[in-house]
């Protein structure tokens, strides 16, 4: 019996490409599925200190659905750093202006807030429409 714990090396990690259609999917439920794949937690070789996740392409981000009255009640807040620099924007307004940003922010909040999380977020590609420039990677649908 071998009592050693297996830890994958960076060179041994195989990355795959997945594509997800966000049409009529709930924002939070989609974000949890995608965050799990970006972190690599769906693989048996997952390790908390390594980025073993896969690439994910999200299509039709403009057609995402949210529950209840979140279109008006959910706000996104940012600050410029200057006095009176607080900016607030509702979900409906941001969805009309930049639908990719709504999905990206939801997923970013579910990833680690470290350099590792930033590295994992770079493997996410979000598009408002149904076209994407990643056909050469032969992405497969996410189950």
C-alpha atoms as a PDB file:
ATOM      1  CA  UNK A   1       0.000   0.000   0.000  1.00  0.00           C
ATOM      2  CA  UNK A   2       1.250   3.451  -0.913  1.00  0.00           C
ATOM      3  CA  UNK A   3       0.693   6.070   1.803  1.00  0.00           C
ATOM      4  CA  UNK A   4       1.914   9.026  -0.249  1.00  0.00           C
ATOM      5  CA  UNK A   5      -0.427  11.794  -1.344  1.00  0.00           C
ATOM      6  CA  UNK A   6      -0.461  12.517  -5.065  1.00  0.00           C
ATOM      7  CA  UNK A   7       0.071  16.154  -6.029  1.00  0.00           C
ATOM      8  CA  UNK A   8      -0.013  17.054  -9.713  1.00  0.00           C
ATOM      9  CA  UNK A   9       2.804  19.108 -11.183  1.00  0.00           C
ATOM     10  CA  UNK A  10       2.076  22.177 -13.277  1.00  0.00           C
ATOM     11  CA  UNK A  11       3.233  20.375 -16.438  1.00  0.00           C
ATOM     12  CA  UNK A  12       0.914  17.399 -15.783  1.00  0.00           C
ATOM     13  CA  UNK A  13      -2.280  19.469 -15.707  1.00  0.00           C
ATOM     14  CA  UNK A  14      -4.410  18.997 -18.812  1.00  0.00           C
ATOM     15  CA  UNK A  15      -6.707  21.880 -19.694  1.00  0.00           C
ATOM     16  CA  UNK A  16      -9.892  21.414 -21.693  1.00  0.00           C
ATOM     17  CA  UNK A  17     -12.267  23.964 -23.203  1.00  0.00           C
ATOM     18  CA  UNK A  18     -15.975  24.047 -22.376  1.00  0.00           C
ATOM     19  CA  UNK A  19     -18.791  26.137 -23.850  1.00  0.00           C
ATOM     20  CA  UNK A  20     -21.961  27.138 -21.971  1.00  0.00           C
ATOM     21  CA  UNK A  21     -25.115  28.699 -23.406  1.00  0.00           C
ATOM     22  CA  UNK A  22     -26.492  31.117 -20.794  1.00  0.00           C
ATOM     23  CA  UNK A  23     -29.890  31.531 -22.451  1.00  0.00           C
ATOM     24  CA  UNK A  24     -32.646  31.501 -19.780  1.00  0.00           C
ATOM     25  CA  UNK A  25     -30.289  30.202 -17.086  1.00  0.00           C
ATOM     26  CA  UNK A  26     -30.355  31.685 -13.597  1.00  0.00           C
ATOM     27  CA  UNK A  27     -27.318  33.893 -13.004  1.00  0.00           C
ATOM     28  CA  UNK A  28     -26.208  32.462  -9.655  1.00  0.00           C
ATOM     29  CA  UNK A  29     -26.681  28.823 -10.584  1.00  0.00           C
ATOM     30  CA  UNK A  30     -24.741  29.279 -13.803  1.00  0.00           C
ATOM     31  CA  UNK A  31     -21.975  31.113 -11.920  1.00  0.00           C
ATOM     32  CA  UNK A  32     -21.510  28.300  -9.386  1.00  0.00           C
ATOM     33  CA  UNK A  33     -21.230  25.658 -12.127  1.00  0.00           C
ATOM     34  CA  UNK A  34     -18.684  27.713 -14.056  1.00  0.00           C
ATOM     35  CA  UNK A  35     -16.650  28.707 -10.977  1.00  0.00           C
ATOM     36  CA  UNK A  36     -16.301  25.033 -10.046  1.00  0.00           C
ATOM     37  CA  UNK A  37     -14.873  24.213 -13.486  1.00  0.00           C
ATOM     38  CA  UNK A  38     -12.536  27.241 -13.476  1.00  0.00           C
ATOM     39  CA  UNK A  39     -11.117  26.160 -10.106  1.00  0.00           C
ATOM     40  CA  UNK A  40     -10.714  22.547 -11.238  1.00  0.00           C
ATOM     41  CA  UNK A  41     -12.828  21.096  -8.433  1.00  0.00           C
ATOM     42  CA  UNK A  42     -14.522  18.747 -10.894  1.00  0.00           C
ATOM     43  CA  UNK A  43     -11.237  16.871 -11.365  1.00  0.00           C
ATOM     44  CA  UNK A  44      -9.888  14.165  -9.054  1.00  0.00           C
ATOM     45  CA  UNK A  45      -6.457  15.847  -9.145  1.00  0.00           C
ATOM     46  CA  UNK A  46      -7.742  19.126  -7.635  1.00  0.00           C
ATOM     47  CA  UNK A  47      -5.358  20.875  -5.304  1.00  0.00           C
ATOM     48  CA  UNK A  48      -6.153  24.095  -3.391  1.00  0.00           C
ATOM     49  CA  UNK A  49      -2.778  25.704  -4.164  1.00  0.00           C
ATOM     50  CA  UNK A  50      -2.667  24.956  -7.926  1.00  0.00           C
ATOM     51  CA  UNK A  51      -4.697  26.259 -10.827  1.00  0.00           C
ATOM     52  CA  UNK A  52      -5.882  22.978 -12.318  1.00  0.00           C
ATOM     53  CA  UNK A  53      -9.091  24.313 -13.854  1.00  0.00           C
ATOM     54  CA  UNK A  54     -10.321  24.394 -17.431  1.00  0.00           C
ATOM     55  CA  UNK A  55     -11.231  27.176 -19.842  1.00  0.00           C
ATOM     56  CA  UNK A  56     -14.906  28.171 -20.077  1.00  0.00           C
ATOM     57  CA  UNK A  57     -16.675  30.121 -22.833  1.00  0.00           C
ATOM     58  CA  UNK A  58     -20.073  31.604 -21.962  1.00  0.00           C
ATOM     59  CA  UNK A  59     -22.373  32.572 -24.832  1.00  0.00           C
ATOM     60  CA  UNK A  60     -25.586  34.655 -24.868  1.00  0.00           C
ATOM     61  CA  UNK A  61     -24.798  36.518 -21.637  1.00  0.00           C
ATOM     62  CA  UNK A  62     -27.400  39.126 -22.597  1.00  0.00           C
ATOM     63  CA  UNK A  63     -30.153  36.504 -22.305  1.00  0.00           C
ATOM     64  CA  UNK A  64     -29.426  35.490 -18.692  1.00  0.00           C
ATOM     65  CA  UNK A  65     -32.342  35.374 -16.251  1.00  0.00           C
ATOM     66  CA  UNK A  66     -32.555  36.518 -12.636  1.00  0.00           C
ATOM     67  CA  UNK A  67     -35.220  35.784 -10.047  1.00  0.00           C
ATOM     68  CA  UNK A  68     -37.595  38.139  -8.220  1.00  0.00           C
ATOM     69  CA  UNK A  69     -37.101  41.891  -8.558  1.00  0.00           C
ATOM     70  CA  UNK A  70     -33.307  41.843  -8.818  1.00  0.00           C
ATOM     71  CA  UNK A  71     -33.369  43.884 -12.041  1.00  0.00           C
ATOM     72  CA  UNK A  72     -34.062  46.994  -9.965  1.00  0.00           C
ATOM     73  CA  UNK A  73     -33.016  46.040  -6.420  1.00  0.00           C
ATOM     74  CA  UNK A  74     -29.534  44.604  -7.122  1.00  0.00           C
ATOM     75  CA  UNK A  75     -26.923  47.319  -7.465  1.00  0.00           C
ATOM     76  CA  UNK A  76     -23.283  47.268  -8.487  1.00  0.00           C
ATOM     77  CA  UNK A  77     -21.152  49.783  -6.602  1.00  0.00           C
ATOM     78  CA  UNK A  78     -17.730  51.189  -7.404  1.00  0.00           C
ATOM     79  CA  UNK A  79     -15.699  54.152  -6.175  1.00  0.00           C
ATOM     80  CA  UNK A  80     -13.245  56.248  -8.139  1.00  0.00           C
ATOM     81  CA  UNK A  81     -11.164  57.129  -5.092  1.00  0.00           C
ATOM     82  CA  UNK A  82     -12.028  60.815  -5.324  1.00  0.00           C
ATOM     83  CA  UNK A  83     -14.468  62.696  -3.077  1.00  0.00           C
ATOM     84  CA  UNK A  84     -18.065  62.096  -4.197  1.00  0.00           C
ATOM     85  CA  UNK A  85     -16.768  59.348  -6.491  1.00  0.00           C
ATOM     86  CA  UNK A  86     -19.302  56.685  -5.509  1.00  0.00           C
ATOM     87  CA  UNK A  87     -21.102  55.228  -8.527  1.00  0.00           C
ATOM     88  CA  UNK A  88     -24.105  52.888  -8.315  1.00  0.00           C
ATOM     89  CA  UNK A  89     -25.716  51.027 -11.188  1.00  0.00           C
ATOM     90  CA  UNK A  90     -28.695  48.683 -11.196  1.00  0.00           C
ATOM     91  CA  UNK A  91     -28.563  45.186 -12.658  1.00  0.00           C
ATOM     92  CA  UNK A  92     -31.005  46.134 -15.433  1.00  0.00           C
ATOM     93  CA  UNK A  93     -28.862  49.077 -16.521  1.00  0.00           C
ATOM     94  CA  UNK A  94     -25.591  47.114 -16.449  1.00  0.00           C
ATOM     95  CA  UNK A  95     -27.250  44.208 -18.275  1.00  0.00           C
ATOM     96  CA  UNK A  96     -28.341  46.571 -21.034  1.00  0.00           C
ATOM     97  CA  UNK A  97     -24.945  48.278 -21.219  1.00  0.00           C
ATOM     98  CA  UNK A  98     -22.446  45.411 -20.685  1.00  0.00           C
ATOM     99  CA  UNK A  99     -24.070  41.989 -20.184  1.00  0.00           C
ATOM    100  CA  UNK A 100     -20.682  40.227 -20.135  1.00  0.00           C
ATOM    101  CA  UNK A 101     -19.716  42.209 -17.029  1.00  0.00           C
ATOM    102  CA  UNK A 102     -22.743  40.964 -15.055  1.00  0.00           C
ATOM    103  CA  UNK A 103     -21.786  37.319 -15.595  1.00  0.00           C
ATOM    104  CA  UNK A 104     -18.060  37.970 -15.055  1.00  0.00           C
ATOM    105  CA  UNK A 105     -18.674  39.721 -11.717  1.00  0.00           C
ATOM    106  CA  UNK A 106     -20.962  36.948 -10.477  1.00  0.00           C
ATOM    107  CA  UNK A 107     -18.304  34.325 -11.219  1.00  0.00           C
ATOM    108  CA  UNK A 108     -15.462  36.466  -9.863  1.00  0.00           C
ATOM    109  CA  UNK A 109     -17.218  36.662  -6.492  1.00  0.00           C
ATOM    110  CA  UNK A 110     -17.219  32.864  -6.251  1.00  0.00           C
ATOM    111  CA  UNK A 111     -13.517  32.424  -6.970  1.00  0.00           C
ATOM    112  CA  UNK A 112     -10.737  32.882  -4.384  1.00  0.00           C
ATOM    113  CA  UNK A 113      -9.869  36.528  -3.727  1.00  0.00           C
ATOM    114  CA  UNK A 114      -6.156  35.921  -4.269  1.00  0.00           C
ATOM    115  CA  UNK A 115      -3.657  35.846  -7.140  1.00  0.00           C
ATOM    116  CA  UNK A 116      -4.784  32.276  -7.795  1.00  0.00           C
ATOM    117  CA  UNK A 117      -8.375  33.467  -8.247  1.00  0.00           C
ATOM    118  CA  UNK A 118      -7.233  36.158 -10.685  1.00  0.00           C
ATOM    119  CA  UNK A 119      -5.345  33.499 -12.651  1.00  0.00           C
ATOM    120  CA  UNK A 120      -8.453  31.307 -12.750  1.00  0.00           C
ATOM    121  CA  UNK A 121     -10.645  34.211 -13.885  1.00  0.00           C
ATOM    122  CA  UNK A 122      -8.399  34.772 -16.912  1.00  0.00           C
ATOM    123  CA  UNK A 123      -9.580  31.414 -18.272  1.00  0.00           C
ATOM    124  CA  UNK A 124     -13.161  32.721 -18.499  1.00  0.00           C
ATOM    125  CA  UNK A 125     -14.400  34.123 -21.819  1.00  0.00           C
ATOM    126  CA  UNK A 126     -17.847  35.766 -21.838  1.00  0.00           C
ATOM    127  CA  UNK A 127     -19.716  36.937 -24.948  1.00  0.00           C
ATOM    128  CA  UNK A 128     -23.085  38.719 -25.202  1.00  0.00           C
ATOM    129  CA  UNK A 129     -24.021  36.953 -28.449  1.00  0.00           C
ATOM    130  CA  UNK A 130     -23.722  33.425 -29.759  1.00  0.00           C
ATOM    131  CA  UNK A 131     -20.463  33.880 -31.728  1.00  0.00           C
ATOM    132  CA  UNK A 132     -16.982  33.322 -30.292  1.00  0.00           C
ATOM    133  CA  UNK A 133     -13.459  33.257 -31.770  1.00  0.00           C
ATOM    134  CA  UNK A 134     -12.384  30.026 -30.011  1.00  0.00           C
ATOM    135  CA  UNK A 135     -13.444  27.413 -32.575  1.00  0.00           C
ATOM    136  CA  UNK A 136      -9.850  26.229 -32.979  1.00  0.00           C
ATOM    137  CA  UNK A 137      -9.814  24.986 -29.364  1.00  0.00           C
ATOM    138  CA  UNK A 138     -12.786  22.669 -30.130  1.00  0.00           C
ATOM    139  CA  UNK A 139     -14.813  23.454 -26.989  1.00  0.00           C
ATOM    140  CA  UNK A 140     -17.280  20.866 -25.806  1.00  0.00           C
ATOM    141  CA  UNK A 141     -20.595  21.577 -24.027  1.00  0.00           C
ATOM    142  CA  UNK A 142     -20.437  21.665 -20.251  1.00  0.00           C
ATOM    143  CA  UNK A 143     -22.579  18.924 -18.716  1.00  0.00           C
END
